[in-house]
Protein backbone atom coordinates (compact mmCIF):
# COMPACT_ATOMS: atom_id res chain seq x y z
CA MET A 1 9.92 -0.40 -20.85
CA ALA A 2 10.98 3.03 -21.97
CA GLY A 3 10.99 5.91 -19.51
CA LEU A 4 8.93 8.98 -20.43
CA ARG A 5 6.39 6.72 -22.14
CA TYR A 6 3.51 7.67 -19.90
CA ARG A 7 2.04 10.91 -18.64
CA ALA A 8 5.29 12.92 -18.50
CA ALA A 9 5.38 12.91 -22.28
CA MET A 10 2.05 14.71 -22.17
CA GLY A 11 3.27 17.21 -19.59
CA ASN A 12 0.96 16.04 -16.79
CA ARG A 13 2.22 14.80 -13.44
CA PRO A 14 0.34 11.81 -11.97
CA GLN A 15 -1.73 12.79 -8.94
CA VAL A 16 -2.30 10.53 -5.92
CA THR A 17 -4.23 11.05 -2.67
CA VAL A 18 -3.66 8.65 0.24
CA LEU A 19 -6.20 8.20 3.04
CA GLY A 20 -4.50 6.23 5.76
CA SER A 21 -2.26 5.93 8.78
CA LEU A 22 0.79 7.71 10.08
CA ASN A 23 2.99 5.99 12.68
CA MET A 24 6.37 6.41 14.25
CA ASP A 25 8.23 3.13 13.67
CA ILE A 26 10.44 1.75 16.43
CA SER A 27 12.57 -0.93 14.78
CA VAL A 28 15.02 -3.42 16.28
CA THR A 29 17.16 -5.90 14.30
CA VAL A 30 17.18 -9.23 16.13
CA PRO A 31 18.94 -12.58 15.52
CA ARG A 32 15.55 -14.29 15.26
CA LEU A 33 11.91 -13.24 15.58
CA PRO A 34 10.59 -13.87 19.10
CA GLY A 35 8.06 -16.58 19.81
CA PRO A 36 5.39 -16.47 22.53
CA GLY A 37 6.91 -15.66 25.91
CA ALA A 38 10.39 -15.16 24.44
CA THR A 39 12.72 -12.20 24.83
CA VAL A 40 15.18 -11.50 22.03
CA LEU A 41 17.90 -8.88 22.30
CA GLY A 42 18.88 -6.43 19.58
CA PRO A 43 21.68 -3.87 19.48
CA ALA A 44 19.65 -0.62 19.28
CA ALA A 45 16.29 0.82 18.35
CA ARG A 46 15.74 3.04 15.31
CA PHE A 47 12.98 5.65 15.30
CA THR A 48 11.82 6.33 11.75
CA PRO A 49 8.67 7.74 10.10
CA GLY A 50 6.14 5.10 9.04
CA GLY A 51 2.51 4.03 8.94
CA LYS A 52 1.08 2.34 5.87
CA GLY A 53 -0.63 5.45 4.59
CA ALA A 54 2.38 7.70 5.02
CA ASN A 55 4.67 5.05 3.57
CA GLN A 56 2.50 4.73 0.48
CA ALA A 57 2.47 8.52 0.09
CA VAL A 58 6.27 8.74 0.29
CA ALA A 59 6.68 5.82 -2.15
CA ALA A 60 4.41 7.56 -4.65
CA ALA A 61 6.17 10.91 -4.25
CA ARG A 62 9.63 9.37 -4.84
CA LEU A 63 8.34 7.74 -8.01
CA GLY A 64 7.12 10.91 -9.62
CA ALA A 65 3.59 11.67 -8.40
CA GLY A 66 2.13 14.77 -6.84
CA VAL A 67 0.84 13.39 -3.54
CA ARG A 68 -1.67 14.49 -0.92
CA MET A 69 -1.98 12.77 2.47
CA ALA A 70 -5.14 12.64 4.63
CA GLY A 71 -5.09 11.20 8.15
CA CYS A 72 -4.43 12.03 11.80
CA VAL A 73 -1.45 12.46 14.14
CA GLY A 74 -1.23 13.35 17.80
CA ASP A 75 -0.19 16.72 19.19
CA ASP A 76 3.23 15.43 20.22
CA ASP A 77 6.84 15.30 19.03
CA PHE A 78 6.26 12.12 17.01
CA GLY A 79 3.36 13.74 15.16
CA ARG A 80 5.41 16.81 14.33
CA GLN A 81 8.29 14.64 13.10
CA LEU A 82 5.96 12.68 10.84
CA LEU A 83 4.52 15.83 9.29
CA LYS A 84 8.01 17.24 8.78
CA ALA A 85 9.13 14.01 7.07
CA LEU A 86 6.15 14.09 4.68
CA ARG A 87 6.78 17.69 3.72
CA ALA A 88 10.48 16.93 3.17
CA GLU A 89 9.38 14.37 0.54
CA GLY A 90 7.15 16.95 -1.17
CA VAL A 91 3.89 15.39 0.11
CA ASP A 92 1.06 17.85 0.75
CA ALA A 93 0.09 17.17 4.36
CA ALA A 94 -2.57 19.91 4.68
CA ALA A 95 -5.28 17.27 5.12
CA VAL A 96 -3.51 15.60 8.07
CA ARG A 97 -5.34 16.61 11.29
CA THR A 98 -3.48 17.03 14.59
CA VAL A 99 -5.62 15.57 17.39
CA ALA A 100 -5.14 17.11 20.82
CA GLY A 101 -4.87 14.75 23.79
CA THR A 102 -4.23 11.67 21.64
CA PRO A 103 -0.81 10.09 21.02
CA THR A 104 0.56 9.58 17.54
CA GLY A 105 0.39 6.00 16.27
CA LEU A 106 3.36 3.75 17.04
CA ALA A 107 4.62 0.59 15.35
CA MET A 108 6.95 -1.77 17.18
CA ILE A 109 8.95 -3.76 14.61
CA SER A 110 11.36 -6.66 14.97
CA VAL A 111 13.45 -7.56 11.87
CA ASP A 112 15.50 -10.77 11.52
CA PRO A 113 18.66 -11.26 9.41
CA ALA A 114 16.61 -12.54 6.45
CA GLY A 115 14.56 -9.34 6.41
CA GLU A 116 11.36 -10.92 7.77
CA ASN A 117 9.51 -8.89 10.34
CA LEU A 118 7.04 -8.96 13.21
CA ILE A 119 4.98 -5.79 13.73
CA THR A 120 2.66 -4.61 16.49
CA VAL A 121 0.83 -1.29 16.02
CA ALA A 122 -0.63 1.03 18.63
CA SER A 123 -3.16 2.95 16.54
CA GLY A 124 -3.26 6.17 18.57
CA ALA A 125 -4.51 9.11 16.51
CA ASN A 126 -5.18 6.89 13.50
CA ARG A 127 -8.35 5.78 15.28
CA GLU A 128 -9.66 9.33 14.99
CA VAL A 129 -9.79 9.29 11.16
CA GLY A 130 -13.37 9.97 10.15
CA VAL A 131 -15.75 12.08 8.08
CA ALA A 132 -13.50 15.14 7.95
CA GLU A 133 -10.53 13.20 6.63
CA VAL A 134 -12.64 11.33 4.08
CA SER A 135 -14.07 14.60 2.81
CA ARG A 136 -10.64 16.17 2.47
CA ALA A 137 -9.27 13.08 0.73
CA LEU A 138 -11.99 13.37 -1.91
CA GLN A 139 -11.50 17.07 -2.67
CA HIS A 140 -9.41 16.32 -5.77
CA PRO A 141 -11.47 14.03 -8.01
CA GLY A 142 -8.74 13.81 -10.61
CA ASP A 143 -6.43 12.00 -8.17
CA ILE A 144 -6.23 8.25 -7.87
CA LEU A 145 -7.28 7.47 -4.28
CA VAL A 146 -5.37 4.99 -2.11
CA ILE A 147 -7.03 3.72 1.07
CA CYS A 148 -5.14 1.64 3.62
CA ALA A 149 -6.73 -0.34 6.46
CA GLU A 150 -4.88 1.04 9.52
CA ILE A 151 -7.82 3.44 9.98
CA PRO A 152 -11.38 2.79 11.24
CA VAL A 153 -13.63 0.61 9.09
CA PRO A 154 -16.42 3.22 8.95
CA ALA A 155 -13.97 5.66 7.35
CA ILE A 156 -12.90 3.04 4.82
CA ALA A 157 -16.49 2.20 3.89
CA ARG A 158 -17.50 5.86 3.64
CA ALA A 159 -14.52 6.67 1.42
CA LEU A 160 -15.29 3.77 -0.90
CA THR A 161 -18.95 4.77 -1.14
CA GLU A 162 -18.22 8.41 -1.86
CA ALA A 163 -15.35 7.60 -4.24
CA ARG A 164 -17.42 5.52 -6.64
CA GLY A 165 -16.76 6.49 -10.20
CA ARG A 166 -13.13 7.44 -9.64
CA PRO A 167 -10.01 5.23 -9.62
CA CYS A 168 -9.41 3.80 -6.16
CA ILE A 169 -6.94 1.31 -4.67
CA LEU A 170 -8.02 -0.44 -1.45
CA ASN A 171 -5.14 -2.05 0.45
CA LEU A 172 -6.70 -4.26 3.14
CA ALA A 173 -3.59 -4.50 5.28
CA PRO A 174 -4.19 -5.46 7.96
CA VAL A 175 -7.52 -7.17 7.27
CA PRO A 176 -10.20 -5.63 9.50
CA ASP A 177 -13.24 -7.43 10.86
CA GLY A 178 -15.89 -7.47 8.18
CA ALA A 179 -13.40 -7.29 5.31
CA ALA A 180 -15.32 -9.74 3.16
CA ALA A 181 -18.43 -7.59 3.54
CA ILE A 182 -16.48 -4.49 2.56
CA VAL A 183 -15.22 -6.18 -0.60
CA ALA A 184 -18.61 -7.64 -1.52
CA GLY A 185 -20.56 -4.51 -0.65
CA GLN A 186 -18.28 -1.77 -1.97
CA HIS A 187 -16.76 -3.45 -5.07
CA PRO A 188 -13.48 -1.49 -5.10
CA ASP A 189 -11.87 -0.76 -8.44
CA TRP A 190 -8.52 -2.20 -7.25
CA LEU A 191 -7.95 -4.48 -4.25
CA VAL A 192 -4.37 -5.22 -3.16
CA VAL A 193 -3.66 -7.86 -0.51
CA ASN A 194 -0.97 -10.39 0.35
CA GLU A 195 -1.44 -14.17 0.76
CA THR A 196 -2.35 -13.92 4.45
CA GLU A 197 -4.82 -11.10 3.83
CA ALA A 198 -6.41 -12.90 0.86
CA ALA A 199 -6.82 -15.98 3.03
CA ALA A 200 -8.54 -13.94 5.74
CA ILE A 201 -11.01 -12.46 3.25
CA LEU A 202 -11.75 -15.71 1.41
CA GLY A 203 -11.72 -17.98 4.46
CA ARG A 204 -9.25 -20.48 3.01
CA PRO A 205 -5.45 -20.86 2.93
CA VAL A 206 -3.53 -19.05 0.23
CA SER A 207 0.13 -20.00 -0.27
CA GLY A 208 2.40 -19.58 -3.27
CA LEU A 209 1.93 -17.93 -6.63
CA ALA A 210 -0.53 -20.44 -8.11
CA GLU A 211 -2.91 -20.10 -5.15
CA ALA A 212 -2.42 -16.33 -5.20
CA GLY A 213 -3.74 -16.39 -8.78
CA GLN A 214 -6.72 -18.48 -7.75
CA ALA A 215 -7.39 -16.07 -4.86
CA ALA A 216 -7.19 -13.04 -7.16
CA ALA A 217 -9.73 -14.63 -9.51
CA ALA A 218 -12.05 -15.39 -6.57
CA LEU A 219 -11.84 -11.78 -5.38
CA VAL A 220 -12.78 -10.55 -8.83
CA ALA A 221 -15.73 -12.97 -8.85
CA SER A 222 -16.92 -11.30 -5.63
CA GLY A 223 -17.19 -7.95 -7.41
CA VAL A 224 -13.71 -6.40 -7.47
CA LYS A 225 -12.69 -5.08 -10.88
CA HIS A 226 -8.95 -5.71 -10.41
CA ALA A 227 -7.51 -7.94 -7.69
CA VAL A 228 -3.81 -8.16 -6.87
CA VAL A 229 -2.45 -10.80 -4.49
CA THR A 230 1.22 -10.45 -3.63
CA ALA A 231 3.12 -13.61 -2.73
CA GLY A 232 6.41 -12.29 -1.37
CA ALA A 233 9.47 -13.89 -2.90
CA HIS A 234 7.28 -15.95 -5.25
CA GLY A 235 5.84 -12.95 -7.12
CA VAL A 236 2.42 -11.36 -7.63
CA ALA A 237 -0.89 -12.35 -9.24
CA LEU A 238 -3.33 -10.06 -11.07
CA SER A 239 -6.89 -10.87 -12.05
CA THR A 240 -9.20 -8.50 -13.93
CA ALA A 241 -12.95 -8.67 -14.52
CA SER A 242 -13.65 -9.64 -18.12
CA ALA A 243 -16.94 -7.68 -18.29
CA PRO A 244 -16.84 -3.88 -18.42
CA ALA A 245 -17.52 -2.26 -15.05
CA SER A 246 -20.67 -0.63 -16.44
CA THR A 247 -22.27 -3.96 -17.39
CA ALA A 248 -20.96 -6.44 -14.86
CA ARG A 249 -23.31 -7.26 -12.02
CA PRO A 250 -21.48 -6.96 -8.65
CA GLY A 251 -20.74 -10.31 -7.13
CA THR A 252 -21.41 -12.22 -10.35
CA GLY A 253 -18.54 -11.02 -12.53
CA GLN A 254 -16.28 -13.32 -14.49
CA ALA A 255 -12.52 -13.03 -14.12
CA ASP A 256 -9.99 -13.35 -16.91
CA ALA A 257 -7.36 -15.98 -16.16
CA ALA A 258 -5.08 -14.60 -13.50
CA GLU A 259 -1.74 -13.34 -14.71
CA THR A 260 1.21 -14.29 -12.51
CA ILE A 261 4.37 -12.23 -12.43
CA PRO A 262 7.46 -13.92 -10.94
CA ALA A 263 9.34 -11.98 -8.31
CA PHE A 264 12.45 -10.03 -9.25
CA PRO A 265 15.39 -11.92 -7.74
CA VAL A 266 16.97 -9.73 -5.07
CA GLU A 267 18.81 -10.21 -1.79
CA ALA A 268 16.35 -8.96 0.80
CA VAL A 269 17.66 -7.24 3.94
CA ASP A 270 14.43 -5.67 5.26
CA THR A 271 10.90 -6.34 4.07
CA VAL A 272 9.32 -3.62 6.22
CA GLY A 273 7.58 -1.24 3.84
CA THR A 274 7.88 -3.37 0.73
CA GLY A 275 4.13 -3.87 0.47
CA ASP A 276 3.55 -0.15 0.96
CA THR A 277 6.12 0.59 -1.74
CA PHE A 278 4.24 -1.77 -4.07
CA VAL A 279 0.92 0.03 -3.41
CA GLY A 280 2.38 3.52 -3.80
CA ALA A 281 4.18 2.52 -6.99
CA LEU A 282 1.04 0.91 -8.41
CA ALA A 283 -0.91 4.11 -7.73
CA VAL A 284 1.63 6.22 -9.61
CA ALA A 285 1.75 3.88 -12.59
CA LEU A 286 -2.05 3.69 -12.86
CA ALA A 287 -2.43 7.45 -12.42
CA ALA A 288 0.01 7.87 -15.31
CA GLY A 289 -2.06 5.63 -17.57
CA VAL A 290 0.18 2.56 -17.50
CA PRO A 291 -1.84 -0.58 -18.46
CA ALA A 292 -2.79 -2.83 -15.55
CA ALA A 293 -0.38 -5.75 -16.01
CA GLU A 294 2.55 -3.44 -16.81
CA ALA A 295 1.72 -1.28 -13.79
CA VAL A 296 1.69 -4.34 -11.51
CA ARG A 297 5.05 -5.52 -12.85
CA ALA A 298 6.55 -2.07 -12.31
CA ALA A 299 5.15 -1.99 -8.78
CA ALA A 300 6.66 -5.43 -8.12
CA ALA A 301 10.05 -4.10 -9.21
CA ALA A 302 9.68 -1.16 -6.83
CA GLY A 303 8.76 -3.46 -3.93
CA ALA A 304 11.66 -5.80 -4.66
CA THR A 305 14.05 -2.83 -4.67
CA ALA A 306 12.71 -1.63 -1.32
CA ALA A 307 13.48 -5.06 0.19
CA THR A 308 17.19 -4.53 -0.54
CA ARG A 309 17.24 -1.35 1.57
CA HIS A 310 16.84 -0.84 5.32
CA GLY A 311 13.84 0.98 6.79
CA ALA A 312 10.31 1.68 5.63
CA GLN A 313 10.29 5.20 4.23
CA ALA A 314 14.09 5.33 4.33
CA GLY A 315 14.28 2.32 2.03
CA MET A 316 11.72 3.42 -0.51
CA PRO A 317 13.30 3.66 -3.96
CA ARG A 318 13.54 6.26 -6.66
CA PRO A 319 13.42 5.30 -10.36
CA GLU A 320 17.20 5.04 -10.65
CA ASN A 321 17.34 2.63 -7.68
CA ILE A 322 14.75 0.37 -9.31
CA ARG A 323 16.71 0.21 -12.54
CA ALA A 324 19.99 -0.48 -10.73
CA VAL A 325 18.53 -3.38 -8.70
CA THR A 326 16.06 -4.98 -11.11
CA GLY A 327 16.98 -3.71 -14.57
CA LEU A 328 13.45 -2.30 -15.07
CA THR A 329 13.13 1.27 -16.27
CA TRP A 330 10.43 3.03 -14.27
CA PRO A 331 7.66 3.75 -16.82
CA VAL A 332 6.70 7.17 -15.45
CA GLY A 333 9.17 9.89 -16.38
């Protein structure tokens, strides 16, 4: 893929708005992930900016987009640090509301030597995301809208309803109660989930790249126009509705055969934030006009590169990092 092929050649910067969560991540590297009732010791804790929404915003900004963030933080030191970190990355945080009397969201993360992780989130101010944040996220209709699921379900549903007719990526991570109804009722333009999340929506196990492809096709059959199921070190599957969106009847659409994209071979050291990097990268590529399959492959390269670097936002790559690790030239110049 040649750089400068898309959007930059026309002099227009891709525009992305993220409606989602902001958390302070407290990360500890441990020799093994703890089981029930177990205590595992790590050398030290790292406090770093995170939250799926903020991570996706930073990933998109580093890969060439103009980015706006909508969400909530608490009126505390963590909230102020998160806003400062977004602004340092060039993200417009004017639509992030500071909520008095509510703590900023926290994520407690354990990471093992293979880069696998175990995460517990205290939602805090993210639970306050509502009508005001949805309205502010939709103020720029030319932006591609990214919605992550670490915010209340009513806000997700409202944003999807009001965003109809514009490009939108729904990342159901984690999968909320009623996720299948959201997918079937709202018919998002793009749905991005991993194997575990696809299994929760479909009510059946999903494991490996072949089953990820089957799951993506099933999600398209339920009314999604484009479904992406990531399968970690195996790769990613993409399925697209074969009928145009204007003529397909929701819930009865036919899917083209799922396309599977093998993972880029890398040595992972930390998988925290790799999924968010994928989503942010996909948003940039789509906003720049990159075709679907090519955009998914580029996003997979970005996610693979993030896995070779420590931290969530700290490990999110720039175009030169992606090329150095995977050999892929980022298609948005």
